[in-house]
């Protein structure tokens, strides 16, 4: 129904409430006859329209009504303040952690390079020189020899893994991770690739990822060094797992409490609206456009404006709201409509 027409209808009803004698105006005879055909009682006309009919006497005072009805405004004791955001505590972890190295990426080999036997021999010679430099503590020189070996034989996983181990000695975990990952691309079963990458991630404090790589390395080729590092890494990984599970649980519980608070708030709002409408009906003069059977006279097409599917005109699903209530306020509030669809709310209002 057009909003302007509905507004005019509301104004007309209010006029009928304040002065029922206008229903005896000859021009409204058709409407008066229609109301009577529905069983509505039309107050007797009084000369001059100044005397109010006895049917409009209100037996209960506003104070009596207020004392009799429970106060639902604000939700009562169910009203709760929103909880603060959950702030995670720090985790006490142990182990050496270094600052990430931000050097430009090291030179990598060309995987499309065709490796000859001579290249392989030359790469092995360069690797031997690197191992000698490592034993003498000349790590930069060892990196140069290994880079030469990788250039000569870019499809050797062991060359990349060996250079990664030197980068770990130099406390350059990001460089080590790049080389270890390159070794694993060439050979996914490279134990040394997983081992060096796991150690490098541990240096960066990436404990869970480090434990995963080290366990893979141990399954492929167990050695004592892997076991020693795992003894340091695993406790931290377990602490992080427990910490994450704890806060996931706390956030889930917080969200469940939030949903429950919202449900109670909507329920309280629906109850307050219902009792307010009920109180309004009790103070409304009897016969003033009173409650008509089955909703508004004749109903509107499809039920009341904003009405619900499957209901009689002016009714709510399931046979209508308990008692005679003012639907206008309810039907214009989406939250109240949602609340009244809640079976628990409807059951509470029926009590």
Protein backbone atom coordinates (compact mmCIF):
# COMPACT_ATOMS: atom_id res chain seq x y z
CA UNK A 1 0.00 0.00 0.00
CA UNK A 2 1.24 3.47 -0.83
CA UNK A 3 2.97 5.07 2.19
CA UNK A 4 1.07 8.35 1.84
CA UNK A 5 -2.26 6.50 1.73
CA UNK A 6 -1.29 4.48 4.79
CA UNK A 7 -0.37 7.68 6.63
CA UNK A 8 -3.76 9.21 5.78
CA UNK A 9 -5.47 6.06 7.04
CA UNK A 10 -3.56 6.27 10.32
CA UNK A 11 -4.56 9.92 10.76
CA UNK A 12 -8.20 9.06 10.10
CA UNK A 13 -8.11 6.25 12.69
CA UNK A 14 -6.59 8.63 15.25
CA UNK A 15 -9.40 11.11 14.59
CA UNK A 16 -11.94 8.33 15.12
CA UNK A 17 -10.28 7.47 18.42
CA UNK A 18 -10.35 11.05 19.69
CA UNK A 19 -13.86 11.80 18.42
CA UNK A 20 -15.91 8.68 17.61
CA UNK A 21 -18.94 10.83 16.78
CA UNK A 22 -17.47 11.58 13.34
CA UNK A 23 -18.39 8.03 12.37
CA UNK A 24 -22.02 9.19 12.38
CA UNK A 25 -21.31 11.72 9.65
CA UNK A 26 -23.63 10.85 6.72
CA UNK A 27 -20.68 10.87 4.33
CA UNK A 28 -19.09 8.03 6.34
CA UNK A 29 -22.20 5.87 6.44
CA UNK A 30 -20.62 3.32 4.11
CA UNK A 31 -17.62 2.92 6.44
CA UNK A 32 -19.81 2.71 9.55
CA UNK A 33 -21.93 -0.01 7.95
CA UNK A 34 -18.81 -1.89 6.95
CA UNK A 35 -17.44 -1.81 10.51
CA UNK A 36 -20.74 -3.02 11.91
CA UNK A 37 -20.81 -5.91 9.40
CA UNK A 38 -17.50 -7.06 10.90
CA UNK A 39 -18.90 -7.02 14.43
CA UNK A 40 -17.44 -3.71 15.55
CA UNK A 41 -19.52 -1.71 18.05
CA UNK A 42 -20.08 1.91 17.03
CA UNK A 43 -20.58 4.31 19.99
CA UNK A 44 -24.01 5.93 20.18
CA UNK A 45 -24.15 9.40 18.67
CA UNK A 46 -24.42 12.22 21.18
CA UNK A 47 -25.91 15.56 20.29
CA UNK A 48 -23.27 18.18 19.70
CA UNK A 49 -20.60 15.51 19.91
CA UNK A 50 -19.34 16.99 23.18
CA UNK A 51 -20.19 14.13 25.51
CA UNK A 52 -18.02 11.10 25.46
CA UNK A 53 -19.77 7.71 25.52
CA UNK A 54 -19.41 5.47 28.55
CA UNK A 55 -17.49 2.90 26.51
CA UNK A 56 -14.49 5.23 26.51
CA UNK A 57 -13.99 5.20 30.26
CA UNK A 58 -10.52 3.93 31.23
CA UNK A 59 -10.70 1.96 34.43
CA UNK A 60 -6.97 1.71 35.09
CA UNK A 61 -4.69 4.67 35.62
CA UNK A 62 -1.31 4.98 33.94
CA UNK A 63 0.31 4.38 37.34
CA UNK A 64 -1.67 1.18 37.84
CA UNK A 65 -0.64 -0.06 34.42
CA UNK A 66 3.00 0.85 35.02
CA UNK A 67 3.00 -0.96 38.36
CA UNK A 68 1.31 -4.03 36.88
CA UNK A 69 3.53 -4.43 33.83
CA UNK A 70 7.17 -5.59 34.12
CA UNK A 71 9.80 -3.12 32.97
CA UNK A 72 11.53 -4.57 29.92
CA UNK A 73 13.22 -1.41 28.71
CA UNK A 74 16.98 -1.76 28.43
CA UNK A 75 16.99 -5.55 28.76
CA UNK A 76 17.29 -5.59 32.57
CA UNK A 77 19.99 -7.75 34.05
CA UNK A 78 20.62 -9.46 30.73
CA UNK A 79 22.15 -6.28 29.36
CA UNK A 80 25.92 -6.79 29.21
CA UNK A 81 28.74 -4.62 28.07
CA UNK A 82 30.75 -5.62 25.03
CA UNK A 83 33.91 -7.54 25.88
CA UNK A 84 37.30 -6.07 25.16
CA UNK A 85 39.31 -7.42 22.27
CA UNK A 86 41.46 -10.42 23.17
CA UNK A 87 45.11 -9.43 23.36
CA UNK A 88 47.52 -12.32 23.03
CA UNK A 89 50.25 -12.66 25.61
CA UNK A 90 53.86 -13.11 24.66
CA UNK A 91 55.32 -16.62 24.43
CA UNK A 92 58.51 -17.36 26.30
CA UNK A 93 60.70 -19.11 23.75
CA UNK A 94 64.28 -20.26 24.00
CA UNK A 95 67.00 -20.51 21.38
CA UNK A 96 69.30 -18.35 19.29
CA UNK A 97 67.60 -16.05 16.79
CA UNK A 98 69.42 -13.72 14.40
CA UNK A 99 68.39 -10.66 12.45
CA UNK A 100 67.27 -11.50 8.90
CA UNK A 101 69.94 -10.95 6.26
CA UNK A 102 68.83 -8.54 3.54
CA UNK A 103 71.71 -8.94 1.12
CA UNK A 104 70.92 -9.16 -2.62
CA UNK A 105 70.19 -12.77 -3.68
CA UNK A 106 73.29 -14.82 -4.37
CA UNK A 107 74.17 -15.97 -7.88
CA UNK A 108 72.28 -19.09 -8.90
CA UNK A 109 73.03 -21.57 -11.69
CA UNK A 110 71.22 -21.80 -15.00
CA UNK A 111 69.11 -24.98 -14.90
CA UNK A 112 68.99 -25.09 -18.72
CA UNK A 113 72.81 -25.25 -18.91
CA UNK A 114 74.03 -28.47 -20.52
CA UNK A 115 76.47 -30.06 -18.09
CA UNK A 116 79.36 -32.05 -19.59
CA UNK A 117 81.66 -34.48 -17.86
CA UNK A 118 84.38 -31.84 -17.85
CA UNK A 119 81.98 -29.44 -16.11
CA UNK A 120 81.21 -32.01 -13.44
CA UNK A 121 84.90 -32.63 -12.78
CA UNK A 122 85.63 -28.92 -12.59
CA UNK A 123 82.67 -28.42 -10.23
CA UNK A 124 84.00 -31.15 -7.93
CA UNK A 125 87.42 -29.46 -7.88
CA UNK A 126 85.82 -26.15 -6.95
CA UNK A 127 83.84 -27.88 -4.20
CA UNK A 128 87.05 -29.45 -2.81
CA UNK A 129 88.66 -26.00 -2.61
CA UNK A 130 85.54 -24.74 -0.81
CA UNK A 131 85.73 -27.51 1.79
CA UNK A 132 89.39 -26.66 2.42
CA UNK A 133 88.48 -22.99 2.86
CA UNK A 134 85.73 -23.95 5.31
CA UNK A 135 88.16 -25.95 7.41
CA UNK A 136 90.38 -22.86 7.59
CA UNK A 137 87.45 -20.64 8.55
CA UNK A 138 87.56 -18.74 5.24
CA UNK A 139 83.80 -18.69 4.68
CA UNK A 140 83.69 -15.93 2.06
CA UNK A 141 86.28 -17.78 -0.01
CA UNK A 142 84.28 -20.99 0.39
CA UNK A 143 81.18 -19.21 -0.96
CA UNK A 144 83.12 -18.09 -4.03
CA UNK A 145 84.32 -21.64 -4.78
CA UNK A 146 80.84 -23.11 -4.29
CA UNK A 147 79.29 -20.45 -6.51
CA UNK A 148 81.77 -21.48 -9.21
CA UNK A 149 80.83 -25.13 -8.68
CA UNK A 150 77.12 -24.29 -8.99
CA UNK A 151 77.74 -22.37 -12.20
CA UNK A 152 79.58 -25.36 -13.67
CA UNK A 153 77.00 -27.90 -12.48
CA UNK A 154 73.66 -26.10 -11.81
CA UNK A 155 71.73 -29.38 -11.59
CA UNK A 156 73.57 -30.64 -8.52
CA UNK A 157 71.43 -30.47 -5.37
CA UNK A 158 74.41 -31.18 -3.13
CA UNK A 159 76.25 -28.07 -4.39
CA UNK A 160 73.34 -25.82 -3.37
CA UNK A 161 72.88 -27.60 -0.03
CA UNK A 162 76.59 -27.29 0.75
CA UNK A 163 76.58 -23.55 0.02
CA UNK A 164 73.45 -23.25 2.19
CA UNK A 165 75.35 -24.82 5.11
CA UNK A 166 78.09 -22.19 4.71
CA UNK A 167 75.53 -19.38 4.75
CA UNK A 168 74.21 -20.81 8.04
CA UNK A 169 77.73 -20.57 9.50
CA UNK A 170 77.77 -16.93 8.34
CA UNK A 171 74.39 -16.28 10.07
CA UNK A 172 72.69 -15.56 6.77
CA UNK A 173 69.51 -17.64 7.07
CA UNK A 174 67.63 -16.10 4.14
CA UNK A 175 70.47 -16.89 1.74
CA UNK A 176 70.63 -20.40 3.18
CA UNK A 177 66.89 -20.88 2.65
CA UNK A 178 67.18 -19.83 -1.00
CA UNK A 179 69.95 -22.38 -1.62
CA UNK A 180 68.23 -25.16 0.35
CA UNK A 181 64.98 -24.61 -1.56
CA UNK A 182 66.92 -24.73 -4.86
CA UNK A 183 68.44 -28.05 -3.79
CA UNK A 184 64.97 -29.44 -2.98
CA UNK A 185 63.64 -28.33 -6.37
CA UNK A 186 66.35 -30.42 -7.99
CA UNK A 187 66.01 -33.33 -5.55
CA UNK A 188 62.84 -33.41 -3.39
CA UNK A 189 64.43 -36.19 -1.32
CA UNK A 190 67.50 -34.19 -0.38
CA UNK A 191 67.98 -34.73 3.35
CA UNK A 192 70.64 -32.02 3.48
CA UNK A 193 68.27 -29.61 1.75
CA UNK A 194 65.61 -30.07 4.44
CA UNK A 195 68.23 -30.04 7.19
CA UNK A 196 69.86 -26.76 6.16
CA UNK A 197 66.51 -25.08 5.50
CA UNK A 198 65.19 -26.23 8.89
CA UNK A 199 68.25 -24.88 10.72
CA UNK A 200 68.00 -21.59 8.79
CA UNK A 201 64.33 -21.20 9.71
CA UNK A 202 65.16 -21.87 13.34
CA UNK A 203 67.68 -19.00 13.20
CA UNK A 204 64.82 -16.75 12.03
CA UNK A 205 62.55 -17.93 14.87
CA UNK A 206 60.22 -19.79 12.51
CA UNK A 207 60.01 -22.68 14.94
CA UNK A 208 57.05 -24.62 13.55
CA UNK A 209 58.35 -24.50 9.97
CA UNK A 210 61.84 -25.43 11.20
CA UNK A 211 60.51 -28.47 13.07
CA UNK A 212 58.64 -29.63 9.98
CA UNK A 213 61.74 -29.49 7.74
CA UNK A 214 63.95 -31.12 10.36
CA UNK A 215 61.54 -34.01 10.85
CA UNK A 216 61.51 -34.59 7.08
CA UNK A 217 65.32 -34.53 7.03
CA UNK A 218 65.43 -37.02 9.91
CA UNK A 219 63.12 -39.44 8.13
CA UNK A 220 65.23 -39.28 4.97
CA UNK A 221 68.64 -39.60 6.63
CA UNK A 222 68.89 -39.37 10.40
CA UNK A 223 72.00 -37.85 11.97
CA UNK A 224 72.89 -36.59 15.44
CA UNK A 225 73.04 -32.95 14.40
CA UNK A 226 69.40 -33.02 13.26
CA UNK A 227 68.41 -34.65 16.55
CA UNK A 228 70.30 -32.02 18.56
CA UNK A 229 68.63 -29.13 16.73
CA UNK A 230 65.19 -30.73 17.05
CA UNK A 231 65.62 -30.88 20.85
CA UNK A 232 65.90 -27.09 20.83
CA UNK A 233 63.26 -26.42 18.17
CA UNK A 234 60.43 -28.76 19.17
CA UNK A 235 59.70 -27.25 22.63
CA UNK A 236 59.21 -23.84 21.01
CA UNK A 237 57.05 -25.32 18.26
CA UNK A 238 54.85 -27.03 20.87
CA UNK A 239 54.49 -23.80 22.88
CA UNK A 240 53.37 -21.96 19.74
CA UNK A 241 50.85 -24.70 18.91
CA UNK A 242 49.37 -24.58 22.42
CA UNK A 243 49.30 -20.79 22.35
CA UNK A 244 47.46 -20.72 19.03
CA UNK A 245 44.94 -23.35 20.14
CA UNK A 246 44.29 -21.45 23.35
CA UNK A 247 43.53 -18.16 21.63
CA UNK A 248 41.51 -19.81 18.89
CA UNK A 249 39.35 -21.32 21.65
CA UNK A 250 39.08 -17.98 23.49
CA UNK A 251 38.05 -16.17 20.30
CA UNK A 252 35.47 -18.84 19.51
CA UNK A 253 34.02 -18.63 23.03
CA UNK A 254 33.98 -14.83 22.82
CA UNK A 255 32.10 -14.97 19.52
CA UNK A 256 29.59 -17.43 20.99
CA UNK A 257 29.00 -15.09 23.96
CA UNK A 258 28.56 -12.18 21.58
CA UNK A 259 25.92 -14.11 19.61
CA UNK A 260 24.14 -15.04 22.85
CA UNK A 261 24.16 -11.40 24.05
CA UNK A 262 22.71 -10.30 20.74
CA UNK A 263 20.02 -12.96 20.94
CA UNK A 264 19.07 -11.85 24.47
CA UNK A 265 19.07 -8.20 23.42
CA UNK A 266 16.73 -8.89 20.53
CA UNK A 267 14.52 -10.98 22.77
CA UNK A 268 14.37 -8.21 25.39
CA UNK A 269 13.57 -5.66 22.70
CA UNK A 270 10.78 -7.83 21.33
CA UNK A 271 9.34 -8.38 24.80
CA UNK A 272 9.51 -4.66 25.56
CA UNK A 273 7.75 -3.84 22.29
CA UNK A 274 5.09 -6.44 22.95
CA UNK A 275 4.38 -5.28 26.50
CA UNK A 276 4.38 -1.65 25.42
CA UNK A 277 1.85 -2.45 22.71
CA UNK A 278 -0.19 -4.51 25.17
CA UNK A 279 -0.20 -1.64 27.67
CA UNK A 280 -1.29 0.69 24.88
CA UNK A 281 -4.21 -1.62 24.10
CA UNK A 282 -5.26 -1.68 27.75
CA UNK A 283 -5.33 2.11 27.94
CA UNK A 284 -6.99 2.55 24.52
CA UNK A 285 -10.68 3.61 24.81
CA UNK A 286 -12.93 0.64 24.10
CA UNK A 287 -14.48 0.72 20.64
CA UNK A 288 -12.11 3.36 19.27
CA UNK A 289 -11.40 1.60 16.00
CA UNK A 290 -10.93 -1.42 18.24
CA UNK A 291 -9.26 -4.64 17.36
CA UNK A 292 -11.13 -6.21 14.50
CA UNK A 293 -11.44 -9.94 13.93
CA UNK A 294 -8.65 -11.32 11.77
CA UNK A 295 -6.67 -8.08 11.61
CA UNK A 296 -7.51 -4.72 10.02
CA UNK A 297 -10.99 -4.41 8.43
CA UNK A 298 -10.91 -6.34 5.20
CA UNK A 299 -7.13 -6.64 5.43
CA UNK A 300 -4.71 -5.34 2.83
CA UNK A 301 -3.68 -7.31 -0.23
CA UNK A 302 -1.09 -9.80 0.95
CA UNK A 303 -1.67 -8.98 4.64
CA UNK A 304 -0.51 -5.98 6.68
CA UNK A 305 2.15 -3.75 5.10
CA UNK A 306 5.37 -5.68 5.53
CA UNK A 307 3.25 -8.71 6.44
CA UNK A 308 4.48 -12.24 6.48
CA UNK A 309 3.87 -15.00 3.96
CA UNK A 310 1.37 -17.60 5.03
CA UNK A 311 -0.36 -15.39 7.59
CA UNK A 312 -3.86 -13.95 7.55
CA UNK A 313 -4.06 -10.21 6.89
CA UNK A 314 -2.70 -8.41 9.95
CA UNK A 315 -1.37 -11.59 11.54
CA UNK A 316 2.06 -13.01 12.30
CA UNK A 317 3.09 -16.52 11.29
CA UNK A 318 1.64 -19.26 13.42
CA UNK A 319 -1.72 -17.68 14.19
CA UNK A 320 -0.81 -14.12 15.09
CA UNK A 321 0.69 -12.24 18.01
CA UNK A 322 -0.77 -12.93 21.44
CA UNK A 323 -3.29 -10.26 22.46
CA UNK A 324 -4.22 -7.11 20.62
CA UNK A 325 -1.06 -5.19 19.78
CA UNK A 326 -0.07 -2.18 17.75
CA UNK A 327 1.51 -3.75 14.64
CA UNK A 328 2.61 -0.49 13.06
CA UNK A 329 5.63 -0.08 15.34
CA UNK A 330 6.61 -3.73 15.05
CA UNK A 331 6.29 -4.04 11.29
CA UNK A 332 8.57 -1.06 10.76
CA UNK A 333 11.42 -2.45 12.87
CA UNK A 334 13.51 -5.17 11.12
CA UNK A 335 15.06 -6.28 14.42
CA UNK A 336 11.65 -6.83 15.98
CA UNK A 337 10.47 -8.75 12.93
CA UNK A 338 13.54 -11.02 13.21
CA UNK A 339 12.99 -11.44 16.96
CA UNK A 340 9.35 -12.41 16.54
CA UNK A 341 10.41 -15.11 14.08
CA UNK A 342 12.49 -16.66 16.88
CA UNK A 343 10.45 -19.58 18.35
CA UNK A 344 11.97 -18.97 21.78
CA UNK A 345 10.85 -15.34 21.77
CA UNK A 346 7.34 -16.25 20.64
CA UNK A 347 7.12 -18.94 23.34
CA UNK A 348 8.16 -16.38 25.96
CA UNK A 349 5.48 -13.95 24.81
CA UNK A 350 2.84 -16.67 24.90
CA UNK A 351 3.60 -17.34 28.58
